[in-house]
Amino acid sequence: MTAHDPTGRSAGDAWDEHLVDDQDLDDTDVEVEDFDAYWAEQRAQIKPRMARIRGVLVTVPTSLPLHVNELVHEMQHSKDPDDVAEVVSALFGEDTYDAWVDARMGADEFRVVLAWGMANGNGKAMTFAETTAMIEEAERSQGKARAAASSGTRGSGAGGGSSSRTSGASTASQRRRSGTSRRRRS
């Protein structure tokens, strides 16, 4: 299926990039629905909420930029403070990370603030207390999963689980046949 270009350009032109310049449309009778204008109206209806975090007043995120989830995923495997600062800037604004570092924010605090910002930014309005409870529950669940996984690997056997006696009868019957029953020894 070929894409229809209202400006009449061929598929090899800039249309391949799905970008049409407004000037290209000036000479056409194409009606353009303006998402940007629509979205600006929608966002204007939202009353921003503010939060004070370690002395810094931030706007509570209500919608995440597309690249934030990607940044967070990359940050999980990074030890570079610039990666962390980039995520914080995308969520809460430039220089916020440095202000929190200067305010001596702790790792536990930061974990709550980051999870809170991500949750709110993904449309789940949460308080700091709810976010803390969510993190604690996730840690308990992870701890139980780790304990279950490690207890399943302690025993012997091909499956990694603990071994157990299958039945006393099978062992005793073999002893009787071999003539080494406990009764005869005693």
Protein backbone atom coordinates (compact mmCIF):
# COMPACT_ATOMS: atom_id res chain seq x y z
CA MET A 1 0.00 0.00 0.00
CA THR A 2 1.40 3.40 -0.95
CA ALA A 3 0.99 6.42 1.26
CA HIS A 4 -0.95 9.30 -0.21
CA ASP A 5 0.94 12.57 -0.18
CA PRO A 6 -1.44 15.54 -0.42
CA THR A 7 1.34 17.74 -1.84
CA GLY A 8 1.81 15.50 -4.89
CA ARG A 9 5.44 14.59 -4.13
CA SER A 10 6.65 11.16 -5.10
CA ALA A 11 7.31 8.46 -2.51
CA GLY A 12 11.06 9.06 -2.86
CA ASP A 13 10.81 12.65 -1.64
CA ALA A 14 10.60 13.84 1.97
CA TRP A 15 7.19 12.18 2.33
CA ASP A 16 9.06 8.98 3.17
CA GLU A 17 9.94 10.61 6.46
CA HIS A 18 6.26 11.42 7.13
CA LEU A 19 7.05 15.08 7.57
CA VAL A 20 5.07 17.57 5.55
CA ASP A 21 5.97 21.21 5.78
CA ASP A 22 3.04 23.58 6.29
CA GLN A 23 4.25 25.58 3.28
CA ASP A 24 3.79 22.50 1.08
CA LEU A 25 0.11 22.44 2.03
CA ASP A 26 -0.58 26.11 1.29
CA ASP A 27 -1.34 25.38 -2.36
CA THR A 28 -3.68 22.43 -1.67
CA ASP A 29 -7.28 22.03 -0.62
CA VAL A 30 -6.33 19.60 2.12
CA GLU A 31 -8.01 20.06 5.48
CA VAL A 32 -5.55 19.52 8.31
CA GLU A 33 -6.68 18.58 11.78
CA ASP A 34 -4.27 20.25 14.20
CA PHE A 35 -3.37 17.86 17.00
CA ASP A 36 -0.95 20.39 18.51
CA ALA A 37 -3.73 22.92 19.01
CA TYR A 38 -6.05 20.23 20.39
CA TRP A 39 -3.43 18.98 22.84
CA ALA A 40 -2.59 22.51 23.99
CA GLU A 41 -6.29 22.98 24.82
CA GLN A 42 -6.36 19.70 26.73
CA ARG A 43 -3.24 20.52 28.72
CA ALA A 44 -4.55 24.01 29.50
CA GLN A 45 -7.49 22.42 31.31
CA ILE A 46 -5.22 20.57 33.72
CA LYS A 47 -4.48 22.48 36.88
CA PRO A 48 -0.82 21.80 37.71
CA ARG A 49 -0.01 20.33 41.12
CA MET A 50 3.18 21.27 42.85
CA ALA A 51 5.35 19.40 45.33
CA ARG A 52 8.25 20.49 47.49
CA ILE A 53 11.03 17.92 47.43
CA ARG A 54 14.17 18.66 49.43
CA GLY A 55 13.49 22.39 49.20
CA VAL A 56 12.87 22.36 45.44
CA LEU A 57 9.39 23.21 44.20
CA VAL A 58 8.54 20.95 41.24
CA THR A 59 5.50 20.45 39.06
CA VAL A 60 4.02 17.00 39.57
CA PRO A 61 4.47 15.15 36.27
CA THR A 62 1.19 14.22 34.60
CA SER A 63 2.52 12.95 31.28
CA LEU A 64 5.94 11.54 30.52
CA PRO A 65 7.93 12.46 27.46
CA LEU A 66 8.30 9.34 25.30
CA HIS A 67 12.01 9.04 25.88
CA VAL A 68 11.75 8.90 29.69
CA ASN A 69 10.87 5.20 29.93
CA GLU A 70 13.80 4.44 27.65
CA LEU A 71 16.09 6.58 29.80
CA VAL A 72 14.94 4.84 32.97
CA HIS A 73 15.58 1.44 31.41
CA GLU A 74 19.09 2.52 30.39
CA MET A 75 19.71 4.11 33.79
CA GLN A 76 19.09 0.77 35.57
CA HIS A 77 22.30 -0.53 34.03
CA SER A 78 24.32 2.65 34.34
CA LYS A 79 26.42 4.09 37.10
CA ASP A 80 26.83 7.43 35.35
CA PRO A 81 25.30 10.31 37.38
CA ASP A 82 24.64 12.17 34.11
CA ASP A 83 22.14 9.45 33.11
CA VAL A 84 20.30 9.88 36.40
CA ALA A 85 20.34 13.66 36.05
CA GLU A 86 18.87 13.34 32.55
CA VAL A 87 15.89 11.34 33.85
CA VAL A 88 15.32 13.77 36.71
CA SER A 89 15.51 16.72 34.31
CA ALA A 90 12.93 15.13 32.03
CA LEU A 91 10.59 14.51 34.97
CA PHE A 92 11.12 17.56 37.16
CA GLY A 93 13.10 20.15 35.22
CA GLU A 94 16.69 21.21 34.63
CA ASP A 95 19.04 21.50 37.61
CA THR A 96 16.65 19.64 39.94
CA TYR A 97 19.01 16.69 40.31
CA ASP A 98 21.92 18.95 41.25
CA ALA A 99 19.73 20.77 43.78
CA TRP A 100 18.77 17.45 45.39
CA VAL A 101 22.39 16.34 45.49
CA ASP A 102 23.31 19.66 47.13
CA ALA A 103 20.46 19.12 49.63
CA ARG A 104 22.02 15.72 50.44
CA MET A 105 19.04 13.64 49.31
CA GLY A 106 19.51 10.00 50.30
CA ALA A 107 19.20 6.96 48.06
CA ASP A 108 15.97 5.81 49.76
CA GLU A 109 14.44 9.26 49.33
CA PHE A 110 15.52 9.38 45.70
CA ARG A 111 14.01 5.96 45.00
CA VAL A 112 10.63 7.13 46.38
CA VAL A 113 10.75 10.43 44.49
CA LEU A 114 11.68 8.78 41.20
CA ALA A 115 8.96 6.09 41.54
CA TRP A 116 6.45 8.78 42.56
CA GLY A 117 7.33 10.93 39.54
CA MET A 118 7.11 7.97 37.15
CA ALA A 119 3.76 6.82 38.58
CA ASN A 120 2.24 10.30 38.38
CA GLY A 121 3.73 10.83 34.94
CA ASN A 122 2.11 7.60 33.76
CA GLY A 123 -1.30 8.82 34.92
CA LYS A 124 -1.45 7.13 38.33
CA ALA A 125 -1.80 9.94 40.85
CA MET A 126 0.00 8.84 44.01
CA THR A 127 1.12 10.42 47.24
CA PHE A 128 4.62 9.94 48.63
CA ALA A 129 3.19 7.60 51.30
CA GLU A 130 1.41 5.47 48.69
CA THR A 131 4.59 5.31 46.64
CA THR A 132 6.63 4.23 49.67
CA ALA A 133 4.08 1.50 50.44
CA MET A 134 4.19 0.36 46.80
CA ILE A 135 8.01 0.13 46.90
CA GLU A 136 7.97 -1.77 50.21
CA GLU A 137 5.40 -4.24 48.85
CA ALA A 138 7.47 -4.76 45.69
CA GLU A 139 10.56 -5.41 47.83
CA ARG A 140 8.66 -7.90 50.00
CA SER A 141 7.42 -9.69 46.88
CA GLN A 142 10.93 -9.76 45.42
CA GLY A 143 12.30 -11.07 48.70
CA LYS A 144 9.72 -13.87 48.78
CA ALA A 145 10.46 -14.73 45.15
CA ARG A 146 14.20 -14.84 45.86
CA ALA A 147 13.65 -17.01 48.95
CA ALA A 148 11.44 -19.39 47.00
CA ALA A 149 13.97 -19.59 44.19
CA SER A 150 16.90 -20.21 46.52
CA SER A 151 15.06 -22.83 48.60
CA GLY A 152 14.26 -24.70 45.41
CA THR A 153 17.95 -25.04 44.55
CA ARG A 154 19.35 -26.30 47.87
CA GLY A 155 18.41 -29.97 47.61
CA SER A 156 19.76 -32.69 45.40
CA GLY A 157 18.23 -34.29 42.38
CA ALA A 158 18.01 -33.50 38.72
CA GLY A 159 15.31 -30.87 39.12
CA GLY A 160 17.26 -28.93 41.72
CA GLY A 161 14.57 -29.49 44.37
CA SER A 162 15.06 -31.32 47.62
CA SER A 163 14.95 -35.06 47.51
CA SER A 164 12.60 -37.12 49.61
CA ARG A 165 12.16 -40.78 50.38
CA THR A 166 9.70 -42.29 47.94
CA SER A 167 8.48 -45.09 50.18
CA GLY A 168 9.72 -47.20 53.03
CA ALA A 169 8.28 -50.33 51.46
CA SER A 170 10.50 -50.21 48.41
CA THR A 171 13.65 -49.97 50.52
CA ALA A 172 12.59 -52.64 53.01
CA SER A 173 11.55 -55.08 50.32
CA GLN A 174 14.97 -54.80 48.72
CA ARG A 175 16.66 -55.53 52.04
CA ARG A 176 14.56 -58.62 52.63
CA ARG A 177 15.40 -59.94 49.22
CA SER A 178 19.08 -59.44 49.79
CA GLY A 179 18.86 -61.04 53.21
CA THR A 180 20.13 -57.98 55.09
CA SER A 181 16.99 -57.01 56.92
CA ARG A 182 17.48 -55.10 60.19
CA ARG A 183 15.69 -57.81 62.12
CA ARG A 184 18.17 -60.44 61.10
CA ARG A 185 21.13 -58.30 62.13
CA SER A 186 19.88 -57.66 65.63
